[in-house]
């Protein structure tokens, strides 16, 4: 996540048991996590 000056201020990730996330959670969830981080960055920049 980036702040108003475009510097990285935080990170977003996911974790959980392999039984729920699978062996390669990045393939399933990376796009959603990246999109969420972008939306949060935009919200922070506009507040």
PDB file of N, CA and C in Angstrom:
ATOM      1  N   UNK A   1       0.846  -1.162   0.000  1.00  0.00           N
ATOM      2  CA  UNK A   1       0.000   0.000   0.000  1.00  0.00           C
ATOM      3  C   UNK A   1       0.891   1.225   0.000  1.00  0.00           C
ATOM      4  N   UNK A   2       0.444   2.242  -0.685  1.00  0.00           N
ATOM      5  CA  UNK A   2       1.214   3.476  -0.800  1.00  0.00           C
ATOM      6  C   UNK A   2       0.446   4.637  -0.187  1.00  0.00           C
ATOM      7  N   UNK A   3       1.198   5.545   0.397  1.00  0.00           N
ATOM      8  CA  UNK A   3       0.603   6.720   1.003  1.00  0.00           C
ATOM      9  C   UNK A   3       0.498   7.859   0.007  1.00  0.00           C
ATOM     10  N   UNK A   4       0.125   9.034   0.505  1.00  0.00           N
ATOM     11  CA  UNK A   4      -0.080  10.194  -0.360  1.00  0.00           C
ATOM     12  C   UNK A   4       1.144  10.577  -1.191  1.00  0.00           C
ATOM     13  N   UNK A   5       2.344  10.344  -0.698  1.00  0.00           N
ATOM     14  CA  UNK A   5       3.563  10.694  -1.439  1.00  0.00           C
ATOM     15  C   UNK A   5       4.079   9.523  -2.277  1.00  0.00           C
ATOM     16  N   UNK A   6       3.262   8.499  -2.457  1.00  0.00           N
ATOM     17  CA  UNK A   6       3.562   7.306  -3.256  1.00  0.00           C
ATOM     18  C   UNK A   6       4.626   6.410  -2.639  1.00  0.00           C
ATOM     19  N   UNK A   7       4.969   6.629  -1.365  1.00  0.00           N
ATOM     20  CA  UNK A   7       5.900   5.757  -0.665  1.00  0.00           C
ATOM     21  C   UNK A   7       5.134   4.585  -0.074  1.00  0.00           C
ATOM     22  N   UNK A   8       5.784   3.435  -0.052  1.00  0.00           N
ATOM     23  CA  UNK A   8       5.166   2.255   0.548  1.00  0.00           C
ATOM     24  C   UNK A   8       5.014   2.496   2.044  1.00  0.00           C
ATOM     25  N   UNK A   9       3.790   2.291   2.553  1.00  0.00           N
ATOM     26  CA  UNK A   9       3.533   2.513   3.974  1.00  0.00           C
ATOM     27  C   UNK A   9       3.022   1.261   4.679  1.00  0.00           C
ATOM     28  N   UNK A  10       2.591   0.265   3.924  1.00  0.00           N
ATOM     29  CA  UNK A  10       2.059  -0.955   4.533  1.00  0.00           C
ATOM     30  C   UNK A  10       2.018  -2.058   3.482  1.00  0.00           C
ATOM     31  N   UNK A  11       1.756  -3.254   3.937  1.00  0.00           N
ATOM     32  CA  UNK A  11       1.623  -4.399   3.037  1.00  0.00           C
ATOM     33  C   UNK A  11       0.343  -5.150   3.368  1.00  0.00           C
ATOM     34  N   UNK A  12      -0.197  -5.816   2.376  1.00  0.00           N
ATOM     35  CA  UNK A  12      -1.402  -6.619   2.549  1.00  0.00           C
ATOM     36  C   UNK A  12      -1.058  -8.038   2.135  1.00  0.00           C
ATOM     37  N   UNK A  13      -1.508  -9.002   2.889  1.00  0.00           N
ATOM     38  CA  UNK A  13      -1.259 -10.394   2.551  1.00  0.00           C
ATOM     39  C   UNK A  13      -2.376 -11.276   3.069  1.00  0.00           C
ATOM     40  N   UNK A  14      -2.282 -12.528   2.743  1.00  0.00           N
ATOM     41  CA  UNK A  14      -3.246 -13.495   3.247  1.00  0.00           C
ATOM     42  C   UNK A  14      -2.494 -14.676   3.827  1.00  0.00           C
ATOM     43  N   UNK A  15      -3.111 -15.349   4.751  1.00  0.00           N
ATOM     44  CA  UNK A  15      -2.542 -16.573   5.300  1.00  0.00           C
ATOM     45  C   UNK A  15      -3.679 -17.464   5.761  1.00  0.00           C
ATOM     46  N   UNK A  16      -3.393 -18.711   5.842  1.00  0.00           N
ATOM     47  CA  UNK A  16      -4.391 -19.670   6.288  1.00  0.00           C
ATOM     48  C   UNK A  16      -3.886 -21.077   6.076  1.00  0.00           C
ATOM     49  N   UNK A  17      -4.658 -22.034   6.504  1.00  0.00           N
ATOM     50  CA  UNK A  17      -4.233 -23.425   6.362  1.00  0.00           C
ATOM     51  C   UNK A  17      -4.214 -23.861   4.893  1.00  0.00           C
ATOM     52  N   UNK A  18      -3.264 -24.710   4.568  1.00  0.00           N
ATOM     53  CA  UNK A  18      -3.121 -25.207   3.204  1.00  0.00           C
ATOM     54  C   UNK A  18      -4.401 -25.888   2.714  1.00  0.00           C
ATOM     55  N   UNK A  19      -5.129 -26.487   3.626  1.00  0.00           N
ATOM     56  CA  UNK A  19      -6.366 -27.161   3.247  1.00  0.00           C
ATOM     57  C   UNK A  19      -7.385 -26.184   2.663  1.00  0.00           C
ATOM     58  N   UNK A  20      -7.334 -24.943   3.100  1.00  0.00           N
ATOM     59  CA  UNK A  20      -8.283 -23.936   2.612  1.00  0.00           C
ATOM     60  C   UNK A  20      -7.724 -23.109   1.467  1.00  0.00           C
ATOM     61  N   UNK A  21      -6.425 -22.815   1.507  1.00  0.00           N
ATOM     62  CA  UNK A  21      -5.827 -21.952   0.490  1.00  0.00           C
ATOM     63  C   UNK A  21      -5.218 -22.725  -0.672  1.00  0.00           C
ATOM     64  N   UNK A  22      -4.922 -23.991  -0.475  1.00  0.00           N
ATOM     65  CA  UNK A  22      -4.295 -24.791  -1.520  1.00  0.00           C
ATOM     66  C   UNK A  22      -2.784 -24.668  -1.495  1.00  0.00           C
ATOM     67  N   UNK A  23      -2.137 -25.408  -2.371  1.00  0.00           N
ATOM     68  CA  UNK A  23      -0.667 -25.419  -2.407  1.00  0.00           C
ATOM     69  C   UNK A  23      -0.077 -24.176  -3.067  1.00  0.00           C
ATOM     70  N   UNK A  24      -0.818 -23.534  -3.925  1.00  0.00           N
ATOM     71  CA  UNK A  24      -0.325 -22.340  -4.618  1.00  0.00           C
ATOM     72  C   UNK A  24      -1.355 -21.219  -4.500  1.00  0.00           C
ATOM     73  N   UNK A  25      -1.477 -20.655  -3.310  1.00  0.00           N
ATOM     74  CA  UNK A  25      -2.515 -19.639  -3.107  1.00  0.00           C
ATOM     75  C   UNK A  25      -2.328 -18.398  -3.971  1.00  0.00           C
ATOM     76  N   UNK A  26      -1.100 -18.118  -4.373  1.00  0.00           N
ATOM     77  CA  UNK A  26      -0.860 -16.948  -5.214  1.00  0.00           C
ATOM     78  C   UNK A  26      -1.620 -16.999  -6.524  1.00  0.00           C
ATOM     79  N   UNK A  27      -1.693 -18.159  -7.103  1.00  0.00           N
ATOM     80  CA  UNK A  27      -2.409 -18.301  -8.379  1.00  0.00           C
ATOM     81  C   UNK A  27      -3.889 -17.985  -8.226  1.00  0.00           C
ATOM     82  N   UNK A  28      -4.450 -18.318  -7.086  1.00  0.00           N
ATOM     83  CA  UNK A  28      -5.878 -18.101  -6.862  1.00  0.00           C
ATOM     84  C   UNK A  28      -6.202 -16.723  -6.306  1.00  0.00           C
ATOM     85  N   UNK A  29      -5.318 -16.184  -5.481  1.00  0.00           N
ATOM     86  CA  UNK A  29      -5.673 -15.002  -4.705  1.00  0.00           C
ATOM     87  C   UNK A  29      -4.835 -13.758  -4.978  1.00  0.00           C
ATOM     88  N   UNK A  30      -3.759 -13.864  -5.745  1.00  0.00           N
ATOM     89  CA  UNK A  30      -2.865 -12.714  -5.944  1.00  0.00           C
ATOM     90  C   UNK A  30      -3.585 -11.512  -6.549  1.00  0.00           C
ATOM     91  N   UNK A  31      -4.412 -11.740  -7.544  1.00  0.00           N
ATOM     92  CA  UNK A  31      -5.101 -10.620  -8.197  1.00  0.00           C
ATOM     93  C   UNK A  31      -6.025  -9.903  -7.220  1.00  0.00           C
ATOM     94  N   UNK A  32      -6.738 -10.650  -6.397  1.00  0.00           N
ATOM     95  CA  UNK A  32      -7.652 -10.040  -5.426  1.00  0.00           C
ATOM     96  C   UNK A  32      -6.883  -9.265  -4.360  1.00  0.00           C
ATOM     97  N   UNK A  33      -5.765  -9.814  -3.895  1.00  0.00           N
ATOM     98  CA  UNK A  33      -4.961  -9.124  -2.879  1.00  0.00           C
ATOM     99  C   UNK A  33      -4.365  -7.846  -3.466  1.00  0.00           C
ATOM    100  N   UNK A  34      -3.831  -7.914  -4.678  1.00  0.00           N
ATOM    101  CA  UNK A  34      -3.256  -6.724  -5.319  1.00  0.00           C
ATOM    102  C   UNK A  34      -4.319  -5.659  -5.572  1.00  0.00           C
ATOM    103  N   UNK A  35      -5.497  -6.072  -6.002  1.00  0.00           N
ATOM    104  CA  UNK A  35      -6.580  -5.111  -6.245  1.00  0.00           C
ATOM    105  C   UNK A  35      -7.019  -4.452  -4.945  1.00  0.00           C
ATOM    106  N   UNK A  36      -7.087  -5.226  -3.883  1.00  0.00           N
ATOM    107  CA  UNK A  36      -7.464  -4.671  -2.581  1.00  0.00           C
ATOM    108  C   UNK A  36      -6.416  -3.674  -2.106  1.00  0.00           C
ATOM    109  N   UNK A  37      -5.141  -4.007  -2.260  1.00  0.00           N
ATOM    110  CA  UNK A  37      -4.072  -3.082  -1.868  1.00  0.00           C
ATOM    111  C   UNK A  37      -4.156  -1.788  -2.669  1.00  0.00           C
ATOM    112  N   UNK A  38      -4.443  -1.892  -3.950  1.00  0.00           N
ATOM    113  CA  UNK A  38      -4.568  -0.690  -4.786  1.00  0.00           C
ATOM    114  C   UNK A  38      -5.738   0.174  -4.330  1.00  0.00           C
ATOM    115  N   UNK A  39      -6.859  -0.457  -4.012  1.00  0.00           N
ATOM    116  CA  UNK A  39      -8.023   0.311  -3.535  1.00  0.00           C
ATOM    117  C   UNK A  39      -7.728   0.972  -2.196  1.00  0.00           C
ATOM    118  N   UNK A  40      -7.055   0.257  -1.301  1.00  0.00           N
ATOM    119  CA  UNK A  40      -6.701   0.849  -0.009  1.00  0.00           C
ATOM    120  C   UNK A  40      -5.723   2.008  -0.197  1.00  0.00           C
ATOM    121  N   UNK A  41      -4.754   1.850  -1.087  1.00  0.00           N
ATOM    122  CA  UNK A  41      -3.801   2.930  -1.370  1.00  0.00           C
ATOM    123  C   UNK A  41      -4.523   4.166  -1.883  1.00  0.00           C
ATOM    124  N   UNK A  42      -5.460   3.954  -2.780  1.00  0.00           N
ATOM    125  CA  UNK A  42      -6.232   5.074  -3.331  1.00  0.00           C
ATOM    126  C   UNK A  42      -7.038   5.765  -2.235  1.00  0.00           C
ATOM    127  N   UNK A  43      -7.639   4.972  -1.375  1.00  0.00           N
ATOM    128  CA  UNK A  43      -8.429   5.534  -0.276  1.00  0.00           C
ATOM    129  C   UNK A  43      -7.535   6.360   0.657  1.00  0.00           C
ATOM    130  N   UNK A  44      -6.367   5.835   0.986  1.00  0.00           N
ATOM    131  CA  UNK A  44      -5.441   6.550   1.873  1.00  0.00           C
ATOM    132  C   UNK A  44      -4.974   7.844   1.210  1.00  0.00           C
ATOM    133  N   UNK A  45      -4.654   7.779  -0.067  1.00  0.00           N
ATOM    134  CA  UNK A  45      -4.169   8.964  -0.782  1.00  0.00           C
ATOM    135  C   UNK A  45      -5.224  10.061  -0.842  1.00  0.00           C
ATOM    136  N   UNK A  46      -6.489   9.669  -0.850  1.00  0.00           N
ATOM    137  CA  UNK A  46      -7.575  10.645  -0.958  1.00  0.00           C
ATOM    138  C   UNK A  46      -8.144  11.084   0.388  1.00  0.00           C
ATOM    139  N   UNK A  47      -7.555  10.598   1.486  1.00  0.00           N
ATOM    140  CA  UNK A  47      -8.098  11.007   2.790  1.00  0.00           C
ATOM    141  C   UNK A  47      -7.248  12.055   3.459  1.00  0.00           C
TER     142      UNK A  47
END
